[in-house]
Amino acid sequence: MGAVDVITFFLSLVYIFLAIRNNYWCFIVAIAQCTLWAYLDFIQYQLIFDGLLQVFYILMALWGIYLWQFKKEKEELPISYVGIKWNIISIFAGFGLALLLGYFSSFFLEANMRYLDSVTTLFAIIATFMLVLRKVDNWIYFIFVDAAYIYIYTKAGSPFLAGVMIIYTLMAIYGYYSWHQKFIFSINSDR
């Protein structure tokens, strides 16, 4: 644990604050925060898949900058659920791919908690795409993923990153409640 952990922790809080306020600068902060987080994952904690997830988040932040600043047509997707069938497919595919990724990576990567790291990474990617598509279910995935990351970063020896994941877990619970309420409101207003 060092200065980079502390800076990453504080940038994560700034990112959360700006994202909640629907502020464009959240993406700029996210790029800095995810860059530092990836550095920690690759260099200090050997959480290879989470490091790759941070690179994915940097790309998503760049996409967010494009969508929020440069895209002309701004038609908002309605908040909805993906449904049971899609969730079952996602869960089986996510665990299946994570097991394969964890197994095959053992031949060429030196990594900590490779199976748990691959499971959380794949489900975080699934949840992120669901978030972009405004599916309420994403928050349920993030609750479990972020809770697992609390364990991962506690075991890796980073109380600051574990603390960020506690905050993210609580925010995912709030996000689920908030989006579910908006979904219910939209159904009732369509009647």
N, C-alpha and C. Protein backbone atom coordinates (compact mmCIF):
# COMPACT_ATOMS: atom_id res chain seq x y z
N MET A 1 0.85 -1.18 0.00
CA MET A 1 0.00 0.00 0.00
C MET A 1 0.89 1.23 0.00
N GLY A 2 0.55 2.18 -0.85
CA GLY A 2 1.38 3.37 -0.94
C GLY A 2 0.60 4.57 -1.44
N ALA A 3 1.35 5.54 -1.91
CA ALA A 3 0.76 6.80 -2.36
C ALA A 3 -0.17 6.60 -3.55
N VAL A 4 0.15 5.68 -4.45
CA VAL A 4 -0.70 5.46 -5.61
C VAL A 4 -2.06 4.92 -5.18
N ASP A 5 -2.08 4.04 -4.16
CA ASP A 5 -3.35 3.55 -3.62
C ASP A 5 -4.20 4.71 -3.10
N VAL A 6 -3.58 5.59 -2.36
CA VAL A 6 -4.30 6.72 -1.75
C VAL A 6 -4.84 7.65 -2.84
N ILE A 7 -4.00 7.98 -3.83
CA ILE A 7 -4.44 8.85 -4.92
C ILE A 7 -5.59 8.20 -5.69
N THR A 8 -5.46 6.90 -5.95
CA THR A 8 -6.51 6.17 -6.66
C THR A 8 -7.82 6.21 -5.87
N PHE A 9 -7.70 6.03 -4.56
CA PHE A 9 -8.88 6.10 -3.68
C PHE A 9 -9.58 7.45 -3.82
N PHE A 10 -8.83 8.53 -3.71
CA PHE A 10 -9.43 9.86 -3.78
C PHE A 10 -9.97 10.18 -5.18
N LEU A 11 -9.26 9.77 -6.23
CA LEU A 11 -9.79 9.96 -7.58
C LEU A 11 -11.08 9.17 -7.78
N SER A 12 -11.18 8.00 -7.17
CA SER A 12 -12.41 7.20 -7.25
C SER A 12 -13.57 7.94 -6.61
N LEU A 13 -13.32 8.60 -5.48
CA LEU A 13 -14.37 9.37 -4.82
C LEU A 13 -14.79 10.57 -5.67
N VAL A 14 -13.81 11.25 -6.28
CA VAL A 14 -14.13 12.38 -7.15
C VAL A 14 -14.94 11.89 -8.34
N TYR A 15 -14.52 10.75 -8.92
CA TYR A 15 -15.26 10.18 -10.05
C TYR A 15 -16.71 9.91 -9.66
N ILE A 16 -16.92 9.26 -8.51
CA ILE A 16 -18.27 8.93 -8.06
C ILE A 16 -19.09 10.21 -7.90
N PHE A 17 -18.51 11.20 -7.25
CA PHE A 17 -19.21 12.47 -7.02
C PHE A 17 -19.63 13.10 -8.35
N LEU A 18 -18.71 13.16 -9.30
CA LEU A 18 -19.02 13.77 -10.60
C LEU A 18 -20.03 12.95 -11.39
N ALA A 19 -19.91 11.62 -11.33
CA ALA A 19 -20.84 10.76 -12.06
C ALA A 19 -22.26 10.91 -11.51
N ILE A 20 -22.39 10.96 -10.19
CA ILE A 20 -23.71 11.13 -9.58
C ILE A 20 -24.32 12.47 -10.03
N ARG A 21 -23.49 13.47 -10.17
CA ARG A 21 -23.96 14.80 -10.58
C ARG A 21 -24.13 14.90 -12.10
N ASN A 22 -23.91 13.79 -12.81
CA ASN A 22 -24.06 13.75 -14.26
C ASN A 22 -23.12 14.75 -14.94
N ASN A 23 -21.91 14.88 -14.40
CA ASN A 23 -20.94 15.86 -14.87
C ASN A 23 -19.96 15.20 -15.84
N TYR A 24 -19.79 15.81 -16.99
CA TYR A 24 -18.91 15.31 -18.05
C TYR A 24 -17.49 15.02 -17.55
N TRP A 25 -16.99 15.80 -16.60
CA TRP A 25 -15.62 15.63 -16.12
C TRP A 25 -15.40 14.29 -15.43
N CYS A 26 -16.47 13.57 -15.11
CA CYS A 26 -16.30 12.25 -14.50
C CYS A 26 -15.47 11.35 -15.41
N PHE A 27 -15.62 11.51 -16.73
CA PHE A 27 -14.88 10.66 -17.66
C PHE A 27 -13.38 10.97 -17.65
N ILE A 28 -13.04 12.24 -17.53
CA ILE A 28 -11.63 12.63 -17.46
C ILE A 28 -10.99 12.06 -16.20
N VAL A 29 -11.70 12.22 -15.08
CA VAL A 29 -11.21 11.67 -13.81
C VAL A 29 -11.13 10.15 -13.89
N ALA A 30 -12.11 9.53 -14.55
CA ALA A 30 -12.11 8.07 -14.68
C ALA A 30 -10.87 7.58 -15.43
N ILE A 31 -10.47 8.30 -16.46
CA ILE A 31 -9.28 7.90 -17.21
C ILE A 31 -8.05 7.92 -16.31
N ALA A 32 -7.88 9.00 -15.54
CA ALA A 32 -6.74 9.08 -14.61
C ALA A 32 -6.82 8.00 -13.54
N GLN A 33 -8.00 7.85 -12.96
CA GLN A 33 -8.20 6.87 -11.88
C GLN A 33 -7.96 5.44 -12.38
N CYS A 34 -8.52 5.10 -13.53
CA CYS A 34 -8.36 3.74 -14.06
C CYS A 34 -6.92 3.47 -14.49
N THR A 35 -6.22 4.49 -14.97
CA THR A 35 -4.81 4.32 -15.34
C THR A 35 -3.99 3.95 -14.11
N LEU A 36 -4.20 4.67 -13.02
CA LEU A 36 -3.48 4.35 -11.77
C LEU A 36 -3.89 2.99 -11.23
N TRP A 37 -5.18 2.69 -11.29
CA TRP A 37 -5.68 1.40 -10.80
C TRP A 37 -5.08 0.26 -11.60
N ALA A 38 -5.01 0.43 -12.93
CA ALA A 38 -4.40 -0.60 -13.78
C ALA A 38 -2.93 -0.79 -13.41
N TYR A 39 -2.23 0.30 -13.18
CA TYR A 39 -0.83 0.22 -12.75
C TYR A 39 -0.72 -0.63 -11.48
N LEU A 40 -1.57 -0.35 -10.50
CA LEU A 40 -1.55 -1.11 -9.25
C LEU A 40 -1.84 -2.59 -9.50
N ASP A 41 -2.86 -2.85 -10.32
CA ASP A 41 -3.22 -4.24 -10.61
C ASP A 41 -2.08 -4.99 -11.29
N PHE A 42 -1.49 -4.39 -12.32
CA PHE A 42 -0.46 -5.09 -13.08
C PHE A 42 0.85 -5.20 -12.31
N ILE A 43 1.26 -4.13 -11.65
CA ILE A 43 2.59 -4.08 -11.05
C ILE A 43 2.61 -4.55 -9.60
N GLN A 44 1.67 -4.10 -8.81
CA GLN A 44 1.74 -4.37 -7.38
C GLN A 44 0.96 -5.60 -6.93
N TYR A 45 -0.26 -5.77 -7.46
CA TYR A 45 -1.14 -6.83 -6.94
C TYR A 45 -1.24 -8.05 -7.84
N GLN A 46 -0.68 -8.00 -9.04
CA GLN A 46 -0.73 -9.09 -10.01
C GLN A 46 -2.16 -9.58 -10.25
N LEU A 47 -3.09 -8.65 -10.31
CA LEU A 47 -4.47 -8.95 -10.67
C LEU A 47 -4.64 -8.58 -12.14
N ILE A 48 -4.17 -9.48 -12.98
CA ILE A 48 -4.05 -9.22 -14.40
C ILE A 48 -5.40 -8.90 -15.04
N PHE A 49 -6.42 -9.69 -14.71
CA PHE A 49 -7.71 -9.48 -15.35
C PHE A 49 -8.36 -8.18 -14.90
N ASP A 50 -8.20 -7.83 -13.64
CA ASP A 50 -8.74 -6.55 -13.20
C ASP A 50 -7.97 -5.40 -13.84
N GLY A 51 -6.69 -5.58 -14.05
CA GLY A 51 -5.92 -4.56 -14.78
C GLY A 51 -6.45 -4.38 -16.18
N LEU A 52 -6.77 -5.48 -16.84
CA LEU A 52 -7.37 -5.40 -18.18
C LEU A 52 -8.76 -4.75 -18.12
N LEU A 53 -9.48 -5.02 -17.03
CA LEU A 53 -10.78 -4.38 -16.84
C LEU A 53 -10.62 -2.86 -16.74
N GLN A 54 -9.58 -2.41 -16.08
CA GLN A 54 -9.34 -0.97 -15.97
C GLN A 54 -9.04 -0.36 -17.34
N VAL A 55 -8.33 -1.08 -18.18
CA VAL A 55 -8.08 -0.62 -19.55
C VAL A 55 -9.42 -0.53 -20.30
N PHE A 56 -10.27 -1.54 -20.11
CA PHE A 56 -11.61 -1.52 -20.70
C PHE A 56 -12.38 -0.28 -20.23
N TYR A 57 -12.30 0.03 -18.93
CA TYR A 57 -12.99 1.21 -18.40
C TYR A 57 -12.44 2.51 -18.99
N ILE A 58 -11.15 2.55 -19.28
CA ILE A 58 -10.58 3.73 -19.93
C ILE A 58 -11.21 3.90 -21.31
N LEU A 59 -11.34 2.80 -22.05
CA LEU A 59 -11.98 2.86 -23.37
C LEU A 59 -13.44 3.29 -23.24
N MET A 60 -14.13 2.79 -22.22
CA MET A 60 -15.53 3.18 -22.00
C MET A 60 -15.62 4.66 -21.65
N ALA A 61 -14.64 5.18 -20.89
CA ALA A 61 -14.63 6.61 -20.56
C ALA A 61 -14.45 7.45 -21.84
N LEU A 62 -13.59 6.99 -22.74
CA LEU A 62 -13.41 7.69 -24.01
C LEU A 62 -14.72 7.67 -24.81
N TRP A 63 -15.42 6.55 -24.79
CA TRP A 63 -16.71 6.44 -25.45
C TRP A 63 -17.71 7.39 -24.79
N GLY A 64 -17.68 7.47 -23.47
CA GLY A 64 -18.55 8.40 -22.74
C GLY A 64 -18.29 9.84 -23.13
N ILE A 65 -17.01 10.20 -23.27
CA ILE A 65 -16.67 11.56 -23.71
C ILE A 65 -17.28 11.82 -25.09
N TYR A 66 -17.14 10.85 -25.98
CA TYR A 66 -17.72 11.00 -27.32
C TYR A 66 -19.24 11.17 -27.25
N LEU A 67 -19.90 10.28 -26.51
CA LEU A 67 -21.36 10.33 -26.44
C LEU A 67 -21.87 11.62 -25.82
N TRP A 68 -21.20 12.07 -24.77
CA TRP A 68 -21.68 13.24 -24.04
C TRP A 68 -21.30 14.56 -24.69
N GLN A 69 -20.21 14.58 -25.43
CA GLN A 69 -19.72 15.86 -25.96
C GLN A 69 -19.88 16.02 -27.47
N PHE A 70 -19.82 14.93 -28.20
CA PHE A 70 -19.71 15.07 -29.65
C PHE A 70 -20.86 14.46 -30.45
N LYS A 71 -21.61 13.56 -29.87
CA LYS A 71 -22.69 12.93 -30.62
C LYS A 71 -23.85 13.91 -30.75
N LYS A 72 -24.34 14.06 -31.98
CA LYS A 72 -25.39 15.05 -32.26
C LYS A 72 -26.77 14.56 -31.81
N GLU A 73 -27.15 13.35 -32.22
CA GLU A 73 -28.47 12.85 -31.82
C GLU A 73 -28.36 12.30 -30.40
N LYS A 74 -29.15 12.84 -29.51
CA LYS A 74 -29.07 12.41 -28.12
C LYS A 74 -30.41 11.83 -27.69
N GLU A 75 -30.78 10.73 -28.31
CA GLU A 75 -32.01 10.04 -27.93
C GLU A 75 -31.69 9.10 -26.78
N GLU A 76 -32.37 9.28 -25.69
CA GLU A 76 -32.08 8.52 -24.49
C GLU A 76 -32.82 7.18 -24.52
N LEU A 77 -32.08 6.10 -24.22
CA LEU A 77 -32.70 4.79 -24.12
C LEU A 77 -33.57 4.73 -22.87
N PRO A 78 -34.68 4.02 -22.95
CA PRO A 78 -35.50 3.87 -21.75
C PRO A 78 -34.86 2.87 -20.78
N ILE A 79 -35.07 3.08 -19.50
CA ILE A 79 -34.61 2.15 -18.49
C ILE A 79 -35.52 0.93 -18.52
N SER A 80 -34.91 -0.27 -18.56
CA SER A 80 -35.69 -1.51 -18.61
C SER A 80 -34.87 -2.65 -18.03
N TYR A 81 -35.48 -3.82 -17.98
CA TYR A 81 -34.80 -5.04 -17.54
C TYR A 81 -34.46 -5.89 -18.76
N VAL A 82 -33.42 -6.73 -18.65
CA VAL A 82 -33.07 -7.60 -19.77
C VAL A 82 -33.91 -8.86 -19.79
N GLY A 83 -34.41 -9.29 -18.66
CA GLY A 83 -35.25 -10.48 -18.59
C GLY A 83 -34.48 -11.70 -18.11
N ILE A 84 -35.23 -12.69 -17.71
CA ILE A 84 -34.66 -13.90 -17.10
C ILE A 84 -33.79 -14.66 -18.09
N LYS A 85 -34.28 -14.85 -19.32
CA LYS A 85 -33.53 -15.63 -20.31
C LYS A 85 -32.14 -15.03 -20.54
N TRP A 86 -32.07 -13.71 -20.75
CA TRP A 86 -30.79 -13.07 -21.00
C TRP A 86 -29.88 -13.18 -19.77
N ASN A 87 -30.45 -13.06 -18.56
CA ASN A 87 -29.65 -13.20 -17.35
C ASN A 87 -29.10 -14.61 -17.20
N ILE A 88 -29.90 -15.61 -17.50
CA ILE A 88 -29.42 -17.00 -17.41
C ILE A 88 -28.28 -17.22 -18.39
N ILE A 89 -28.45 -16.76 -19.61
CA ILE A 89 -27.38 -16.88 -20.62
C ILE A 89 -26.13 -16.15 -20.15
N SER A 90 -26.28 -14.94 -19.64
CA SER A 90 -25.14 -14.14 -19.17
C SER A 90 -24.40 -14.83 -18.03
N ILE A 91 -25.15 -15.37 -17.10
CA ILE A 91 -24.52 -16.01 -15.94
C ILE A 91 -23.75 -17.26 -16.36
N PHE A 92 -24.37 -18.12 -17.16
CA PHE A 92 -23.67 -19.33 -17.59
C PHE A 92 -22.48 -19.00 -18.49
N ALA A 93 -22.66 -18.07 -19.41
CA ALA A 93 -21.55 -17.68 -20.29
C ALA A 93 -20.44 -17.02 -19.49
N GLY A 94 -20.81 -16.15 -18.55
CA GLY A 94 -19.81 -15.47 -17.73
C GLY A 94 -18.97 -16.44 -16.92
N PHE A 95 -19.63 -17.37 -16.23
CA PHE A 95 -18.87 -18.34 -15.43
C PHE A 95 -18.08 -19.29 -16.32
N GLY A 96 -18.67 -19.72 -17.44
CA GLY A 96 -17.95 -20.62 -18.34
C GLY A 96 -16.69 -19.97 -18.91
N LEU A 97 -16.83 -18.76 -19.40
CA LEU A 97 -15.66 -18.04 -19.93
C LEU A 97 -14.63 -17.75 -18.85
N ALA A 98 -15.10 -17.42 -17.65
CA ALA A 98 -14.18 -17.14 -16.54
C ALA A 98 -13.37 -18.38 -16.17
N LEU A 99 -14.01 -19.52 -16.14
CA LEU A 99 -13.28 -20.76 -15.83
C LEU A 99 -12.24 -21.06 -16.90
N LEU A 100 -12.63 -20.91 -18.17
CA LEU A 100 -11.68 -21.13 -19.26
C LEU A 100 -10.53 -20.13 -19.20
N LEU A 101 -10.85 -18.88 -18.97
CA LEU A 101 -9.83 -17.83 -18.89
C LEU A 101 -8.88 -18.10 -17.73
N GLY A 102 -9.42 -18.45 -16.57
CA GLY A 102 -8.59 -18.76 -15.41
C GLY A 102 -7.69 -19.96 -15.66
N TYR A 103 -8.25 -20.99 -16.28
CA TYR A 103 -7.47 -22.20 -16.54
C TYR A 103 -6.36 -21.94 -17.55
N PHE A 104 -6.70 -21.38 -18.70
CA PHE A 104 -5.70 -21.18 -19.75
C PHE A 104 -4.66 -20.13 -19.37
N SER A 105 -5.06 -19.16 -18.56
CA SER A 105 -4.09 -18.14 -18.16
C SER A 105 -3.02 -18.71 -17.24
N SER A 106 -3.32 -19.82 -16.58
CA SER A 106 -2.33 -20.42 -15.68
C SER A 106 -1.10 -20.92 -16.43
N PHE A 107 -1.23 -21.12 -17.74
CA PHE A 107 -0.10 -21.59 -18.54
C PHE A 107 0.87 -20.47 -18.94
N PHE A 108 0.38 -19.22 -18.95
CA PHE A 108 1.25 -18.16 -19.45
C PHE A 108 1.25 -16.88 -18.62
N LEU A 109 0.49 -16.82 -17.53
CA LEU A 109 0.45 -15.60 -16.71
C LEU A 109 0.73 -15.93 -15.24
N GLU A 110 1.50 -15.10 -14.62
CA GLU A 110 1.68 -15.16 -13.17
C GLU A 110 0.68 -14.18 -12.58
N ALA A 111 -0.35 -14.72 -11.91
CA ALA A 111 -1.43 -13.85 -11.42
C ALA A 111 -1.94 -14.37 -10.08
N ASN A 112 -2.43 -13.44 -9.27
CA ASN A 112 -3.07 -13.79 -8.00
C ASN A 112 -4.55 -14.00 -8.22
N MET A 113 -5.14 -14.92 -7.47
CA MET A 113 -6.58 -15.16 -7.47
C MET A 113 -7.16 -15.21 -8.88
N ARG A 114 -6.50 -15.92 -9.75
CA ARG A 114 -6.82 -15.89 -11.17
C ARG A 114 -8.28 -16.23 -11.47
N TYR A 115 -8.87 -17.19 -10.78
CA TYR A 115 -10.26 -17.55 -11.08
C TYR A 115 -11.24 -16.49 -10.59
N LEU A 116 -11.07 -16.04 -9.36
CA LEU A 116 -11.95 -14.99 -8.85
C LEU A 116 -11.76 -13.70 -9.64
N ASP A 117 -10.52 -13.39 -9.99
CA ASP A 117 -10.22 -12.20 -10.78
C ASP A 117 -10.89 -12.29 -12.16
N SER A 118 -10.85 -13.45 -12.78
CA SER A 118 -11.47 -13.58 -14.10
C SER A 118 -12.99 -13.52 -14.01
N VAL A 119 -13.59 -14.11 -12.95
CA VAL A 119 -15.05 -14.05 -12.78
C VAL A 119 -15.50 -12.61 -12.59
N THR A 120 -14.85 -11.89 -11.68
CA THR A 120 -15.27 -10.51 -11.41
C THR A 120 -15.06 -9.62 -12.64
N THR A 121 -13.99 -9.84 -13.37
CA THR A 121 -13.73 -9.04 -14.56
C THR A 121 -14.79 -9.27 -15.63
N LEU A 122 -15.09 -10.52 -15.91
CA LEU A 122 -16.07 -10.82 -16.96
C LEU A 122 -17.46 -10.30 -16.59
N PHE A 123 -17.84 -10.48 -15.32
CA PHE A 123 -19.16 -9.99 -14.93
C PHE A 123 -19.21 -8.47 -14.85
N ALA A 124 -18.09 -7.83 -14.56
CA ALA A 124 -18.06 -6.37 -14.59
C ALA A 124 -18.22 -5.86 -16.02
N ILE A 125 -17.64 -6.56 -16.98
CA ILE A 125 -17.80 -6.18 -18.39
C ILE A 125 -19.25 -6.37 -18.82
N ILE A 126 -19.85 -7.49 -18.45
CA ILE A 126 -21.27 -7.73 -18.77
C ILE A 126 -22.12 -6.62 -18.16
N ALA A 127 -21.87 -6.32 -16.89
CA ALA A 127 -22.65 -5.28 -16.20
C ALA A 127 -22.46 -3.91 -16.84
N THR A 128 -21.25 -3.62 -17.29
CA THR A 128 -20.98 -2.33 -17.91
C THR A 128 -21.76 -2.17 -19.20
N PHE A 129 -21.81 -3.21 -20.03
CA PHE A 129 -22.61 -3.12 -21.25
C PHE A 129 -24.09 -2.98 -20.92
N MET A 130 -24.55 -3.67 -19.89
CA MET A 130 -25.95 -3.54 -19.48
C MET A 130 -26.22 -2.12 -18.97
N LEU A 131 -25.26 -1.53 -18.29
CA LEU A 131 -25.40 -0.16 -17.81
C LEU A 131 -25.53 0.81 -18.98
N VAL A 132 -24.67 0.66 -19.99
CA VAL A 132 -24.72 1.53 -21.15
C VAL A 132 -26.07 1.39 -21.86
N LEU A 133 -26.63 0.18 -21.87
CA LEU A 133 -27.92 -0.06 -22.50
C LEU A 133 -29.09 0.26 -21.57
N ARG A 134 -28.78 0.80 -20.38
CA ARG A 134 -29.76 1.24 -19.38
C ARG A 134 -30.66 0.10 -18.91
N LYS A 135 -30.03 -1.03 -18.58
CA LYS A 135 -30.75 -2.18 -18.04
C LYS A 135 -30.59 -2.20 -16.53
N VAL A 136 -31.69 -2.24 -15.81
CA VAL A 136 -31.69 -2.20 -14.35
C VAL A 136 -30.85 -3.33 -13.77
N ASP A 137 -30.87 -4.49 -14.42
CA ASP A 137 -30.16 -5.67 -13.94
C ASP A 137 -28.68 -5.43 -13.70
N ASN A 138 -28.09 -4.45 -14.40
CA ASN A 138 -26.66 -4.20 -14.26
C ASN A 138 -26.28 -3.98 -12.81
N TRP A 139 -27.15 -3.31 -12.05
CA TRP A 139 -26.83 -2.99 -10.66
C TRP A 139 -26.74 -4.24 -9.81
N ILE A 140 -27.53 -5.25 -10.11
CA ILE A 140 -27.46 -6.51 -9.35
C ILE A 140 -26.10 -7.16 -9.60
N TYR A 141 -25.67 -7.18 -10.84
CA TYR A 141 -24.35 -7.73 -11.17
C TYR A 141 -23.26 -6.95 -10.44
N PHE A 142 -23.35 -5.61 -10.48
CA PHE A 142 -22.33 -4.80 -9.82
C PHE A 142 -22.32 -4.98 -8.31
N ILE A 143 -23.46 -5.21 -7.69
CA ILE A 143 -23.49 -5.46 -6.24
C ILE A 143 -22.61 -6.66 -5.92
N PHE A 144 -22.80 -7.76 -6.64
CA PHE A 144 -22.02 -8.98 -6.38
C PHE A 144 -20.55 -8.82 -6.77
N VAL A 145 -20.31 -8.20 -7.91
CA VAL A 145 -18.93 -8.01 -8.38
C VAL A 145 -18.16 -7.12 -7.40
N ASP A 146 -18.75 -6.00 -7.04
CA ASP A 146 -18.06 -5.07 -6.14
C ASP A 146 -17.83 -5.68 -4.77
N ALA A 147 -18.80 -6.46 -4.28
CA ALA A 147 -18.62 -7.15 -3.00
C ALA A 147 -17.46 -8.14 -3.07
N ALA A 148 -17.35 -8.84 -4.19
CA ALA A 148 -16.22 -9.77 -4.37
C ALA A 148 -14.90 -9.02 -4.40
N TYR A 149 -14.90 -7.83 -5.01
CA TYR A 149 -13.68 -7.03 -5.04
C TYR A 149 -13.27 -6.53 -3.66
N ILE A 150 -14.21 -6.37 -2.76
CA ILE A 150 -13.84 -6.02 -1.38
C ILE A 150 -12.92 -7.10 -0.83
N TYR A 151 -13.32 -8.35 -1.03
CA TYR A 151 -12.50 -9.48 -0.58
C TYR A 151 -11.15 -9.50 -1.31
N ILE A 152 -11.18 -9.35 -2.63
CA ILE A 152 -9.95 -9.41 -3.43
C ILE A 152 -8.93 -8.38 -2.94
N TYR A 153 -9.37 -7.14 -2.79
CA TYR A 153 -8.41 -6.09 -2.41
C TYR A 153 -8.03 -6.14 -0.94
N THR A 154 -8.90 -6.67 -0.10
CA THR A 154 -8.51 -6.89 1.30
C THR A 154 -7.42 -7.94 1.35
N LYS A 155 -7.63 -9.04 0.63
CA LYS A 155 -6.63 -10.12 0.60
C LYS A 155 -5.34 -9.67 -0.08
N ALA A 156 -5.44 -8.78 -1.06
CA ALA A 156 -4.25 -8.29 -1.76
C ALA A 156 -3.47 -7.27 -0.92
N GLY A 157 -4.09 -6.77 0.15
CA GLY A 157 -3.39 -5.84 1.04
C GLY A 157 -3.60 -4.38 0.69
N SER A 158 -4.72 -4.05 0.06
CA SER A 158 -5.00 -2.66 -0.27
C SER A 158 -6.31 -2.21 0.38
N PRO A 159 -6.23 -1.70 1.60
CA PRO A 159 -7.46 -1.25 2.27
C PRO A 159 -8.11 -0.07 1.55
N PHE A 160 -7.33 0.75 0.84
CA PHE A 160 -7.92 1.88 0.13
C PHE A 160 -8.78 1.41 -1.04
N LEU A 161 -8.28 0.46 -1.83
CA LEU A 161 -9.07 -0.05 -2.95
C LEU A 161 -10.25 -0.88 -2.45
N ALA A 162 -10.06 -1.61 -1.34
CA ALA A 162 -11.18 -2.32 -0.73
C ALA A 162 -12.24 -1.32 -0.26
N GLY A 163 -11.79 -0.18 0.27
CA GLY A 163 -12.72 0.87 0.69
C GLY A 163 -13.51 1.44 -0.48
N VAL A 164 -12.84 1.63 -1.61
CA VAL A 164 -13.54 2.10 -2.81
C VAL A 164 -14.62 1.09 -3.19
N MET A 165 -14.30 -0.19 -3.09
CA MET A 165 -15.27 -1.21 -3.49
C MET A 165 -16.45 -1.28 -2.51
N ILE A 166 -16.22 -0.96 -1.24
CA ILE A 166 -17.34 -0.86 -0.29
C ILE A 166 -18.28 0.25 -0.74
N ILE A 167 -17.70 1.40 -1.09
CA ILE A 167 -18.51 2.53 -1.56
C ILE A 167 -19.23 2.17 -2.86
N TYR A 168 -18.53 1.51 -3.78
CA TYR A 168 -19.16 1.10 -5.03
C TYR A 168 -20.31 0.11 -4.79
N THR A 169 -20.14 -0.80 -3.84
CA THR A 169 -21.20 -1.75 -3.53
C THR A 169 -22.43 -1.02 -3.02
N LEU A 170 -22.23 -0.08 -2.11
CA LEU A 170 -23.35 0.70 -1.58
C LEU A 170 -24.00 1.52 -2.69
N MET A 171 -23.19 2.08 -3.57
CA MET A 171 -23.75 2.85 -4.68
C MET A 171 -24.53 1.96 -5.65
N ALA A 172 -24.07 0.73 -5.85
CA ALA A 172 -24.79 -0.20 -6.73
C ALA A 172 -26.16 -0.55 -6.13
N ILE A 173 -26.21 -0.69 -4.81
CA ILE A 173 -27.50 -0.94 -4.15
C ILE A 173 -28.42 0.26 -4.37
N TYR A 174 -27.89 1.45 -4.17
CA TYR A 174 -28.67 2.67 -4.41
C TYR A 174 -29.07 2.78 -5.88
N GLY A 175 -28.13 2.47 -6.78
CA GLY A 175 -28.41 2.52 -8.22
C GLY A 175 -29.54 1.59 -8.60
N TYR A 176 -29.55 0.38 -8.04
CA TYR A 176 -30.63 -0.56 -8.34
C TYR A 176 -31.97 0.01 -7.87
N TYR A 177 -32.01 0.49 -6.65
CA TYR A 177 -33.25 1.04 -6.11
C TYR A 177 -33.72 2.22 -6.98
N SER A 178 -32.83 3.13 -7.30
CA SER A 178 -33.17 4.32 -8.07
C SER A 178 -33.67 3.95 -9.47
N TRP A 179 -32.96 3.08 -10.17
CA TRP A 179 -33.36 2.72 -11.53
C TRP A 179 -34.65 1.90 -11.52
N HIS A 180 -34.81 1.03 -10.52
CA HIS A 180 -36.05 0.24 -10.44
C HIS A 180 -37.24 1.19 -10.26
N GLN A 181 -37.08 2.21 -9.40
CA GLN A 181 -38.15 3.19 -9.19
C GLN A 181 -38.47 3.93 -10.50
N LYS A 182 -37.44 4.32 -11.25
CA LYS A 182 -37.65 5.00 -12.52
C LYS A 182 -38.35 4.07 -13.53
N PHE A 183 -37.98 2.80 -13.52
CA PHE A 183 -38.63 1.83 -14.39
C PHE A 183 -40.11 1.70 -14.04
N ILE A 184 -40.42 1.56 -12.76
CA ILE A 184 -41.81 1.45 -12.31
C ILE A 184 -42.59 2.72 -12.70
N PHE A 185 -41.97 3.87 -12.51
CA PHE A 185 -42.61 5.14 -12.86
C PHE A 185 -42.91 5.19 -14.36
N SER A 186 -41.94 4.75 -15.17
CA SER A 186 -42.15 4.79 -16.63
C SER A 186 -43.26 3.85 -17.05
N ILE A 187 -43.40 2.71 -16.40
CA ILE A 187 -44.49 1.77 -16.73
C ILE A 187 -45.83 2.41 -16.36
N ASN A 188 -45.89 3.00 -15.17
CA ASN A 188 -47.14 3.60 -14.71
C ASN A 188 -47.53 4.83 -15.53
N SER A 189 -46.53 5.58 -16.03
CA SER A 189 -46.85 6.78 -16.81
C SER A 189 -47.27 6.43 -18.24
N ASP A 190 -46.91 5.22 -18.70
CA ASP A 190 -47.30 4.79 -20.05
C ASP A 190 -48.76 4.31 -20.09
N ARG A 191 -49.35 4.09 -18.95
CA ARG A 191 -50.73 3.57 -18.92
C ARG A 191 -51.74 4.63 -19.19
